[in-house]
Amino acid sequence: MDVELDKTGTLYLGFTAEDEHELRQRYEWQASEGLPVEWLSRGEARKLEPSISRKVRCALRFPNDWQVENRRLAEALVRANEKLGVRLITECEVKALHCEDGRVTGVESSSGSISAPVVVLAAGAWSSLIQSTGTPLPKIDVEPVRGQMLCFETQPPIAQHVLYSSWGYLVPRRDGRILAGSTTEFVGFDKDVTIDGVSEIRAMALEIAPVLDDSPLVDSWSGLRPCAQDGLPVLGPHEEVEGLFYATAHYRNGILLAPITGELIADIVTGVPTSPLFAAFSPNRF
């Protein structure tokens, strides 16, 4: 199925002298690493995207920074798993891990016990809530961070690139919608959309593209990002519980890091050697 992979790229916009300095440093760093990046003047940026603000001083264009429609991607992944014969158990809450003599033996769920010699804990913002019925699990704090989002309806579409600034971002969809986000709020598992959040995101959106002032706001929602105390993902085996692996705490980069996470965890579970650099994300670092 079509997950709306869009290869137009991203524009990172600078509005102030401080922004311009930060963009210059980003440009030099990425260019030195051989990554595709283009420096754009105000005129060049507005030629690519006429709807962006006249207050833009400069911009970076990342031609390989693509996007997908995340909801369709999730649906496609479910279908792909089903075709591969993966058993998906839905509407089933995991209550706890079964651990005996320092190794995992399965999980306790709302549908009963499920035996397994290997368990990958990939529960996102809820990862820290899953405890053990036997061997105590070492404490790994993964905190939910609320991010509110808005959706504007634009016809005809006002942008082709993802538009990014130090304050937020706009994501154009094929059907003319513009997604605008996002807040960063440490409010536990509260997924409410707030007046302050809507005002903050709307102000950001209008700074990037003032034409959105004439576009109707058609939807709003929030999500919970999983964040470890050091802001890095938690990936790999736990040294104190054999058979237990972690794949969580991707914070704001879940979809971006999902493919490489899947490859790395599959390699580790099956005994394929991985880079020593991978240790930086180990659950044992805490």
C-alpha atoms as a PDB file:
ATOM      1  CA  MET A   1       0.000   0.000   0.000  1.00  0.00           C
ATOM      2  CA  ASP A   2       1.071   3.595  -0.547  1.00  0.00           C
ATOM      3  CA  VAL A   3       2.648   5.129   2.580  1.00  0.00           C
ATOM      4  CA  GLU A   4       3.056   8.459   0.741  1.00  0.00           C
ATOM      5  CA  LEU A   5       6.844   8.497   0.704  1.00  0.00           C
ATOM      6  CA  ASP A   6       7.755  12.078  -0.262  1.00  0.00           C
ATOM      7  CA  LYS A   7      11.298  12.809  -1.454  1.00  0.00           C
ATOM      8  CA  THR A   8      10.984  16.594  -1.824  1.00  0.00           C
ATOM      9  CA  GLY A   9      13.196  17.264   1.190  1.00  0.00           C
ATOM     10  CA  THR A  10      13.234  19.679   4.112  1.00  0.00           C
ATOM     11  CA  LEU A  11      13.923  23.400   4.421  1.00  0.00           C
ATOM     12  CA  TYR A  12      15.376  24.538   7.755  1.00  0.00           C
ATOM     13  CA  LEU A  13      14.615  28.264   8.042  1.00  0.00           C
ATOM     14  CA  GLY A  14      16.568  30.931   9.904  1.00  0.00           C
ATOM     15  CA  PHE A  15      14.821  34.089  11.128  1.00  0.00           C
ATOM     16  CA  THR A  16      17.425  35.756  13.354  1.00  0.00           C
ATOM     17  CA  ALA A  17      21.172  36.355  13.439  1.00  0.00           C
ATOM     18  CA  GLU A  18      21.394  33.609  16.052  1.00  0.00           C
ATOM     19  CA  ASP A  19      19.486  31.246  13.747  1.00  0.00           C
ATOM     20  CA  GLU A  20      21.817  32.119  10.878  1.00  0.00           C
ATOM     21  CA  HIS A  21      24.871  31.325  13.009  1.00  0.00           C
ATOM     22  CA  GLU A  22      23.376  27.963  14.047  1.00  0.00           C
ATOM     23  CA  LEU A  23      22.469  27.128  10.436  1.00  0.00           C
ATOM     24  CA  ARG A  24      25.991  27.982   9.284  1.00  0.00           C
ATOM     25  CA  GLN A  25      27.447  25.599  11.873  1.00  0.00           C
ATOM     26  CA  ARG A  26      24.983  22.893  10.837  1.00  0.00           C
ATOM     27  CA  TYR A  27      25.863  23.423   7.188  1.00  0.00           C
ATOM     28  CA  GLU A  28      29.611  23.150   7.797  1.00  0.00           C
ATOM     29  CA  TRP A  29      29.214  20.046   9.965  1.00  0.00           C
ATOM     30  CA  GLN A  30      26.991  18.196   7.478  1.00  0.00           C
ATOM     31  CA  ALA A  31      29.085  19.216   4.471  1.00  0.00           C
ATOM     32  CA  SER A  32      32.263  18.015   6.240  1.00  0.00           C
ATOM     33  CA  GLU A  33      30.609  14.615   6.738  1.00  0.00           C
ATOM     34  CA  GLY A  34      29.752  14.386   3.036  1.00  0.00           C
ATOM     35  CA  LEU A  35      26.001  14.697   3.634  1.00  0.00           C
ATOM     36  CA  PRO A  36      23.875  16.484   1.006  1.00  0.00           C
ATOM     37  CA  VAL A  37      23.005  20.009   2.214  1.00  0.00           C
ATOM     38  CA  GLU A  38      22.412  23.289   0.384  1.00  0.00           C
ATOM     39  CA  TRP A  39      22.766  26.849   1.696  1.00  0.00           C
ATOM     40  CA  LEU A  40      19.953  29.114   0.486  1.00  0.00           C
ATOM     41  CA  SER A  41      19.553  32.871   0.625  1.00  0.00           C
ATOM     42  CA  ARG A  42      16.198  34.419   1.483  1.00  0.00           C
ATOM     43  CA  GLY A  43      15.402  34.807  -2.196  1.00  0.00           C
ATOM     44  CA  GLU A  44      16.395  31.253  -3.073  1.00  0.00           C
ATOM     45  CA  ALA A  45      14.334  29.846  -0.215  1.00  0.00           C
ATOM     46  CA  ARG A  46      11.251  31.876  -1.161  1.00  0.00           C
ATOM     47  CA  LYS A  47      11.649  30.891  -4.799  1.00  0.00           C
ATOM     48  CA  LEU A  48      11.338  27.254  -3.741  1.00  0.00           C
ATOM     49  CA  GLU A  49       8.521  27.965  -1.274  1.00  0.00           C
ATOM     50  CA  PRO A  50       6.758  31.296  -1.999  1.00  0.00           C
ATOM     51  CA  SER A  51       4.446  30.902   1.012  1.00  0.00           C
ATOM     52  CA  ILE A  52       7.182  31.172   3.635  1.00  0.00           C
ATOM     53  CA  SER A  53       7.600  34.413   5.555  1.00  0.00           C
ATOM     54  CA  ARG A  54       9.471  37.379   4.090  1.00  0.00           C
ATOM     55  CA  LYS A  55      11.276  37.589   7.437  1.00  0.00           C
ATOM     56  CA  VAL A  56      13.349  34.504   6.618  1.00  0.00           C
ATOM     57  CA  ARG A  57      17.063  35.423   6.498  1.00  0.00           C
ATOM     58  CA  CYS A  58      18.445  32.155   5.112  1.00  0.00           C
ATOM     59  CA  ALA A  59      17.729  28.434   4.932  1.00  0.00           C
ATOM     60  CA  LEU A  60      19.284  25.015   4.617  1.00  0.00           C
ATOM     61  CA  ARG A  61      17.839  22.468   2.227  1.00  0.00           C
ATOM     62  CA  PHE A  62      18.243  18.788   3.090  1.00  0.00           C
ATOM     63  CA  PRO A  63      17.318  16.953  -0.138  1.00  0.00           C
ATOM     64  CA  ASN A  64      17.516  13.499   1.486  1.00  0.00           C
ATOM     65  CA  ASP A  65      15.366  14.356   4.513  1.00  0.00           C
ATOM     66  CA  TRP A  66      12.175  12.643   3.372  1.00  0.00           C
ATOM     67  CA  GLN A  67       8.814  11.955   4.983  1.00  0.00           C
ATOM     68  CA  VAL A  68       6.061   9.343   5.065  1.00  0.00           C
ATOM     69  CA  GLU A  69       2.437   9.415   6.182  1.00  0.00           C
ATOM     70  CA  ASN A  70       2.924   7.889   9.630  1.00  0.00           C
ATOM     71  CA  ARG A  71      -0.594   6.523  10.066  1.00  0.00           C
ATOM     72  CA  ARG A  72      -0.501   4.731   6.717  1.00  0.00           C
ATOM     73  CA  LEU A  73       2.976   3.433   7.521  1.00  0.00           C
ATOM     74  CA  ALA A  74       1.716   1.853  10.746  1.00  0.00           C
ATOM     75  CA  GLU A  75      -1.142   0.197   8.841  1.00  0.00           C
ATOM     76  CA  ALA A  76       1.271  -1.049   6.172  1.00  0.00           C
ATOM     77  CA  LEU A  77       3.585  -2.542   8.812  1.00  0.00           C
ATOM     78  CA  VAL A  78       0.673  -4.457  10.330  1.00  0.00           C
ATOM     79  CA  ARG A  79      -0.229  -5.877   6.922  1.00  0.00           C
ATOM     80  CA  ALA A  80       3.402  -6.757   6.181  1.00  0.00           C
ATOM     81  CA  ASN A  81       3.685  -8.647   9.493  1.00  0.00           C
ATOM     82  CA  GLU A  82       0.501 -10.565   8.775  1.00  0.00           C
ATOM     83  CA  LYS A  83       1.808 -11.596   5.334  1.00  0.00           C
ATOM     84  CA  LEU A  84       5.018 -12.848   6.966  1.00  0.00           C
ATOM     85  CA  GLY A  85       3.055 -15.008   9.370  1.00  0.00           C
ATOM     86  CA  VAL A  86       3.715 -12.945  12.487  1.00  0.00           C
ATOM     87  CA  ARG A  87       1.063 -13.493  15.157  1.00  0.00           C
ATOM     88  CA  LEU A  88      -0.274 -10.123  16.336  1.00  0.00           C
ATOM     89  CA  ILE A  89      -2.309 -10.141  19.536  1.00  0.00           C
ATOM     90  CA  THR A  90      -4.356  -6.928  19.781  1.00  0.00           C
ATOM     91  CA  GLU A  91      -6.326  -5.407  22.663  1.00  0.00           C
ATOM     92  CA  CYS A  92      -3.990  -7.307  24.977  1.00  0.00           C
ATOM     93  CA  GLU A  93      -2.230  -5.510  27.832  1.00  0.00           C
ATOM     94  CA  VAL A  94       1.135  -6.798  29.044  1.00  0.00           C
ATOM     95  CA  LYS A  95       0.966  -6.894  32.845  1.00  0.00           C
ATOM     96  CA  ALA A  96       4.494  -8.060  33.695  1.00  0.00           C
ATOM     97  CA  LEU A  97       7.507 -10.050  32.585  1.00  0.00           C
ATOM     98  CA  HIS A  98       8.097 -13.576  33.876  1.00  0.00           C
ATOM     99  CA  CYS A  99      11.695 -13.899  35.051  1.00  0.00           C
ATOM    100  CA  GLU A 100      13.240 -16.876  36.838  1.00  0.00           C
ATOM    101  CA  ASP A 101      16.836 -17.403  37.982  1.00  0.00           C
ATOM    102  CA  GLY A 102      18.068 -14.356  36.093  1.00  0.00           C
ATOM    103  CA  ARG A 103      16.450 -15.062  32.754  1.00  0.00           C
ATOM    104  CA  VAL A 104      13.169 -14.126  31.080  1.00  0.00           C
ATOM    105  CA  THR A 105      10.602 -16.883  30.488  1.00  0.00           C
ATOM    106  CA  GLY A 106       7.691 -14.935  29.005  1.00  0.00           C
ATOM    107  CA  VAL A 107       5.061 -12.326  29.808  1.00  0.00           C
ATOM    108  CA  GLU A 108       1.871 -12.092  31.809  1.00  0.00           C
ATOM    109  CA  SER A 109      -0.886 -10.444  29.760  1.00  0.00           C
ATOM    110  CA  SER A 110      -4.557  -9.595  30.101  1.00  0.00           C
ATOM    111  CA  SER A 111      -5.202 -12.717  27.978  1.00  0.00           C
ATOM    112  CA  GLY A 112      -3.028 -14.993  30.115  1.00  0.00           C
ATOM    113  CA  SER A 113       0.595 -16.115  30.224  1.00  0.00           C
ATOM    114  CA  ILE A 114       2.718 -16.296  27.088  1.00  0.00           C
ATOM    115  CA  SER A 115       5.949 -18.299  27.257  1.00  0.00           C
ATOM    116  CA  ALA A 116       9.026 -17.074  25.388  1.00  0.00           C
ATOM    117  CA  PRO A 117      12.793 -17.472  25.840  1.00  0.00           C
ATOM    118  CA  VAL A 118      13.345 -14.010  24.326  1.00  0.00           C
ATOM    119  CA  VAL A 119      11.343 -10.848  25.035  1.00  0.00           C
ATOM    120  CA  VAL A 120      11.935  -7.438  23.418  1.00  0.00           C
ATOM    121  CA  LEU A 121      10.585  -4.656  25.609  1.00  0.00           C
ATOM    122  CA  ALA A 122       9.399  -2.037  23.122  1.00  0.00           C
ATOM    123  CA  ALA A 123       6.597  -0.383  25.066  1.00  0.00           C
ATOM    124  CA  GLY A 124       7.493   3.213  24.283  1.00  0.00           C
ATOM    125  CA  ALA A 125       6.458   5.725  26.943  1.00  0.00           C
ATOM    126  CA  TRP A 126       5.044   2.854  29.050  1.00  0.00           C
ATOM    127  CA  SER A 127       8.325   0.882  29.189  1.00  0.00           C
ATOM    128  CA  SER A 128       9.086   1.744  32.811  1.00  0.00           C
ATOM    129  CA  LEU A 129       5.659   0.550  33.996  1.00  0.00           C
ATOM    130  CA  ILE A 130       6.311  -3.086  33.081  1.00  0.00           C
ATOM    131  CA  GLN A 131       7.729  -4.941  36.063  1.00  0.00           C
ATOM    132  CA  SER A 132       8.748  -8.539  36.756  1.00  0.00           C
ATOM    133  CA  THR A 133       6.939 -11.350  38.608  1.00  0.00           C
ATOM    134  CA  GLY A 134      10.262 -12.948  39.580  1.00  0.00           C
ATOM    135  CA  THR A 135      13.765 -11.561  39.266  1.00  0.00           C
ATOM    136  CA  PRO A 136      13.480  -7.802  39.980  1.00  0.00           C
ATOM    137  CA  LEU A 137      14.147  -5.663  36.898  1.00  0.00           C
ATOM    138  CA  PRO A 138      16.799  -2.948  37.179  1.00  0.00           C
ATOM    139  CA  LYS A 139      15.230   0.510  37.094  1.00  0.00           C
ATOM    140  CA  ILE A 140      15.333   2.153  33.671  1.00  0.00           C
ATOM    141  CA  ASP A 141      13.413   5.424  33.602  1.00  0.00           C
ATOM    142  CA  VAL A 142      11.572   6.175  30.356  1.00  0.00           C
ATOM    143  CA  GLU A 143       9.342   9.235  30.731  1.00  0.00           C
ATOM    144  CA  PRO A 144       6.394  10.279  28.537  1.00  0.00           C
ATOM    145  CA  VAL A 145       6.808  13.706  26.904  1.00  0.00           C
ATOM    146  CA  ARG A 146       3.612  15.143  25.458  1.00  0.00           C
ATOM    147  CA  GLY A 147       3.678  16.648  21.987  1.00  0.00           C
ATOM    148  CA  GLN A 148       0.592  18.468  20.726  1.00  0.00           C
ATOM    149  CA  MET A 149      -0.151  18.776  17.005  1.00  0.00           C
ATOM    150  CA  LEU A 150      -2.440  20.866  14.807  1.00  0.00           C
ATOM    151  CA  CYS A 151      -3.760  20.221  11.321  1.00  0.00           C
ATOM    152  CA  PHE A 152      -4.661  22.986   8.856  1.00  0.00           C
ATOM    153  CA  GLU A 153      -6.551  22.493   5.601  1.00  0.00           C
ATOM    154  CA  THR A 154      -5.001  24.264   2.606  1.00  0.00           C
ATOM    155  CA  GLN A 155      -6.384  24.230  -0.917  1.00  0.00           C
ATOM    156  CA  PRO A 156      -4.442  24.569  -3.065  1.00  0.00           C
ATOM    157  CA  PRO A 157      -1.444  23.231  -1.051  1.00  0.00           C
ATOM    158  CA  ILE A 158       0.876  25.976   0.217  1.00  0.00           C
ATOM    159  CA  ALA A 159       4.133  24.000   0.430  1.00  0.00           C
ATOM    160  CA  GLN A 160       6.057  21.076  -1.023  1.00  0.00           C
ATOM    161  CA  HIS A 161       8.958  20.796   1.435  1.00  0.00           C
ATOM    162  CA  VAL A 162       8.769  20.047   5.126  1.00  0.00           C
ATOM    163  CA  LEU A 163       9.380  23.482   6.688  1.00  0.00           C
ATOM    164  CA  TYR A 164      11.385  23.546   9.888  1.00  0.00           C
ATOM    165  CA  SER A 165      12.529  26.281  12.282  1.00  0.00           C
ATOM    166  CA  SER A 166      14.078  26.403  15.732  1.00  0.00           C
ATOM    167  CA  TRP A 167      10.544  26.747  17.120  1.00  0.00           C
ATOM    168  CA  GLY A 168       8.657  24.010  15.260  1.00  0.00           C
ATOM    169  CA  TYR A 169       7.779  22.533  11.875  1.00  0.00           C
ATOM    170  CA  LEU A 170       5.148  22.271   9.151  1.00  0.00           C
ATOM    171  CA  VAL A 171       4.575  19.015   7.266  1.00  0.00           C
ATOM    172  CA  PRO A 172       2.618  19.148   3.984  1.00  0.00           C
ATOM    173  CA  ARG A 173       0.496  16.145   3.045  1.00  0.00           C
ATOM    174  CA  ARG A 174      -0.612  15.173  -0.451  1.00  0.00           C
ATOM    175  CA  ASP A 175      -4.261  15.966   0.204  1.00  0.00           C
ATOM    176  CA  GLY A 176      -3.505  19.599   1.078  1.00  0.00           C
ATOM    177  CA  ARG A 177      -3.364  19.227   4.852  1.00  0.00           C
ATOM    178  CA  ILE A 178      -0.550  20.913   6.785  1.00  0.00           C
ATOM    179  CA  LEU A 179       0.525  19.330  10.071  1.00  0.00           C
ATOM    180  CA  ALA A 180       2.035  21.767  12.571  1.00  0.00           C
ATOM    181  CA  GLY A 181       3.935  20.879  15.724  1.00  0.00           C
ATOM    182  CA  SER A 182       4.934  20.435  18.327  1.00  0.00           C
ATOM    183  CA  THR A 183       5.086  21.082  22.063  1.00  0.00           C
ATOM    184  CA  THR A 184       7.479  19.422  24.531  1.00  0.00           C
ATOM    185  CA  GLU A 185       5.674  18.915  27.837  1.00  0.00           C
ATOM    186  CA  PHE A 186       6.567  16.796  30.859  1.00  0.00           C
ATOM    187  CA  VAL A 187       3.027  16.174  32.121  1.00  0.00           C
ATOM    188  CA  GLY A 188       2.989  12.426  32.634  1.00  0.00           C
ATOM    189  CA  PHE A 189       0.445  10.424  30.647  1.00  0.00           C
ATOM    190  CA  ASP A 190      -1.935  13.383  30.117  1.00  0.00           C
ATOM    191  CA  LYS A 191      -2.817  13.517  26.391  1.00  0.00           C
ATOM    192  CA  ASP A 192      -5.095  16.564  26.558  1.00  0.00           C
ATOM    193  CA  VAL A 193      -4.844  19.256  23.890  1.00  0.00           C
ATOM    194  CA  THR A 194      -4.574  22.598  25.677  1.00  0.00           C
ATOM    195  CA  ILE A 195      -5.390  26.206  24.822  1.00  0.00           C
ATOM    196  CA  ASP A 196      -1.781  27.201  25.495  1.00  0.00           C
ATOM    197  CA  GLY A 197      -0.477  24.401  23.297  1.00  0.00           C
ATOM    198  CA  VAL A 198      -2.729  25.338  20.402  1.00  0.00           C
ATOM    199  CA  SER A 199      -1.752  29.018  20.708  1.00  0.00           C
ATOM    200  CA  GLU A 200       1.966  28.197  20.786  1.00  0.00           C
ATOM    201  CA  ILE A 201       1.838  25.946  17.724  1.00  0.00           C
ATOM    202  CA  ARG A 202      -0.389  28.332  15.774  1.00  0.00           C
ATOM    203  CA  ALA A 203       2.008  31.225  16.435  1.00  0.00           C
ATOM    204  CA  MET A 204       4.918  29.084  15.242  1.00  0.00           C
ATOM    205  CA  ALA A 205       3.026  28.060  12.109  1.00  0.00           C
ATOM    206  CA  LEU A 206       2.184  31.663  11.230  1.00  0.00           C
ATOM    207  CA  GLU A 207       5.808  32.717  11.737  1.00  0.00           C
ATOM    208  CA  ILE A 208       6.904  30.171   9.125  1.00  0.00           C
ATOM    209  CA  ALA A 209       3.996  30.628   6.712  1.00  0.00           C
ATOM    210  CA  PRO A 210       1.747  33.654   7.395  1.00  0.00           C
ATOM    211  CA  VAL A 211      -0.700  32.471   4.689  1.00  0.00           C
ATOM    212  CA  LEU A 212      -1.933  29.848   7.156  1.00  0.00           C
ATOM    213  CA  ASP A 213      -3.850  32.616   8.922  1.00  0.00           C
ATOM    214  CA  ASP A 214      -6.525  32.136   6.251  1.00  0.00           C
ATOM    215  CA  SER A 215      -6.558  28.324   6.518  1.00  0.00           C
ATOM    216  CA  PRO A 216      -9.085  26.521   8.714  1.00  0.00           C
ATOM    217  CA  LEU A 217      -7.806  24.512  11.664  1.00  0.00           C
ATOM    218  CA  VAL A 218      -9.454  21.107  11.148  1.00  0.00           C
ATOM    219  CA  ASP A 219      -7.889  18.834  13.753  1.00  0.00           C
ATOM    220  CA  SER A 220      -5.687  18.635  16.838  1.00  0.00           C
ATOM    221  CA  TRP A 221      -4.242  15.798  18.910  1.00  0.00           C
ATOM    222  CA  SER A 222      -1.308  14.868  21.102  1.00  0.00           C
ATOM    223  CA  GLY A 223       1.076  11.955  21.504  1.00  0.00           C
ATOM    224  CA  LEU A 224       3.485  10.706  24.148  1.00  0.00           C
ATOM    225  CA  ARG A 225       7.164  10.472  23.214  1.00  0.00           C
ATOM    226  CA  PRO A 226       9.306   8.020  25.225  1.00  0.00           C
ATOM    227  CA  CYS A 227      12.367   9.793  26.648  1.00  0.00           C
ATOM    228  CA  ALA A 228      15.172   8.303  28.776  1.00  0.00           C
ATOM    229  CA  GLN A 229      16.915  10.513  31.320  1.00  0.00           C
ATOM    230  CA  ASP A 230      19.837  11.196  28.965  1.00  0.00           C
ATOM    231  CA  GLY A 231      17.645  11.639  25.869  1.00  0.00           C
ATOM    232  CA  LEU A 232      19.190   8.668  24.019  1.00  0.00           C
ATOM    233  CA  PRO A 233      17.489   5.448  22.878  1.00  0.00           C
ATOM    234  CA  VAL A 234      17.640   2.359  25.064  1.00  0.00           C
ATOM    235  CA  LEU A 235      18.653  -0.563  22.853  1.00  0.00           C
ATOM    236  CA  GLY A 236      20.067  -4.014  23.402  1.00  0.00           C
ATOM    237  CA  PRO A 237      20.312  -6.846  25.944  1.00  0.00           C
ATOM    238  CA  HIS A 238      20.135  -6.379  29.677  1.00  0.00           C
ATOM    239  CA  GLU A 239      23.189  -7.847  31.372  1.00  0.00           C
ATOM    240  CA  GLU A 240      21.263  -8.955  34.487  1.00  0.00           C
ATOM    241  CA  VAL A 241      18.322 -10.712  32.787  1.00  0.00           C
ATOM    242  CA  GLU A 242      19.187 -13.231  30.069  1.00  0.00           C
ATOM    243  CA  GLY A 243      16.852 -13.157  27.078  1.00  0.00           C
ATOM    244  CA  LEU A 244      15.560  -9.636  27.818  1.00  0.00           C
ATOM    245  CA  PHE A 245      16.193  -6.982  25.177  1.00  0.00           C
ATOM    246  CA  TYR A 246      15.178  -3.325  25.063  1.00  0.00           C
ATOM    247  CA  ALA A 247      14.098  -1.258  22.059  1.00  0.00           C
ATOM    248  CA  THR A 248      12.609   1.939  23.438  1.00  0.00           C
ATOM    249  CA  ALA A 249      13.143   5.630  24.300  1.00  0.00           C
ATOM    250  CA  HIS A 250      13.498   6.932  20.735  1.00  0.00           C
ATOM    251  CA  TYR A 251      11.970  10.234  21.906  1.00  0.00           C
ATOM    252  CA  ARG A 252      11.200  12.418  18.832  1.00  0.00           C
ATOM    253  CA  ASN A 253      12.739  10.058  16.267  1.00  0.00           C
ATOM    254  CA  GLY A 254      10.737   6.845  16.443  1.00  0.00           C
ATOM    255  CA  ILE A 255       9.889   6.439  12.757  1.00  0.00           C
ATOM    256  CA  LEU A 256      13.300   7.710  11.646  1.00  0.00           C
ATOM    257  CA  LEU A 257      15.138   5.184  13.819  1.00  0.00           C
ATOM    258  CA  ALA A 258      12.696   2.263  13.484  1.00  0.00           C
ATOM    259  CA  PRO A 259      14.430   0.526  10.520  1.00  0.00           C
ATOM    260  CA  ILE A 260      17.943   0.624  11.996  1.00  0.00           C
ATOM    261  CA  THR A 261      16.536  -0.368  15.404  1.00  0.00           C
ATOM    262  CA  GLY A 262      14.861  -3.416  13.871  1.00  0.00           C
ATOM    263  CA  GLU A 263      18.067  -4.463  12.121  1.00  0.00           C
ATOM    264  CA  LEU A 264      20.242  -4.002  15.222  1.00  0.00           C
ATOM    265  CA  ILE A 265      17.891  -5.818  17.599  1.00  0.00           C
ATOM    266  CA  ALA A 266      17.476  -8.711  15.133  1.00  0.00           C
ATOM    267  CA  ASP A 267      21.270  -8.982  14.845  1.00  0.00           C
ATOM    268  CA  ILE A 268      21.758  -8.951  18.615  1.00  0.00           C
ATOM    269  CA  VAL A 269      19.022 -11.519  19.285  1.00  0.00           C
ATOM    270  CA  THR A 270      20.459 -13.870  16.641  1.00  0.00           C
ATOM    271  CA  GLY A 271      24.074 -13.377  17.723  1.00  0.00           C
ATOM    272  CA  VAL A 272      25.351 -11.252  14.845  1.00  0.00           C
ATOM    273  CA  PRO A 273      28.228  -8.976  16.002  1.00  0.00           C
ATOM    274  CA  THR A 274      27.399  -5.261  16.183  1.00  0.00           C
ATOM    275  CA  SER A 275      29.526  -2.126  16.327  1.00  0.00           C
ATOM    276  CA  PRO A 276      31.120  -1.241  19.705  1.00  0.00           C
ATOM    277  CA  LEU A 277      29.535   2.198  19.274  1.00  0.00           C
ATOM    278  CA  PHE A 278      26.188   0.525  19.919  1.00  0.00           C
ATOM    279  CA  ALA A 279      27.113   0.262  23.620  1.00  0.00           C
ATOM    280  CA  ALA A 280      26.273   3.964  24.018  1.00  0.00           C
ATOM    281  CA  PHE A 281      22.578   3.005  23.852  1.00  0.00           C
ATOM    282  CA  SER A 282      22.777  -0.038  26.126  1.00  0.00           C
ATOM    283  CA  PRO A 283      20.205  -0.356  28.961  1.00  0.00           C
ATOM    284  CA  ASN A 284      23.173  -1.232  31.186  1.00  0.00           C
ATOM    285  CA  ARG A 285      24.521   2.352  31.003  1.00  0.00           C
ATOM    286  CA  PHE A 286      22.160   3.367  33.797  1.00  0.00           C
END
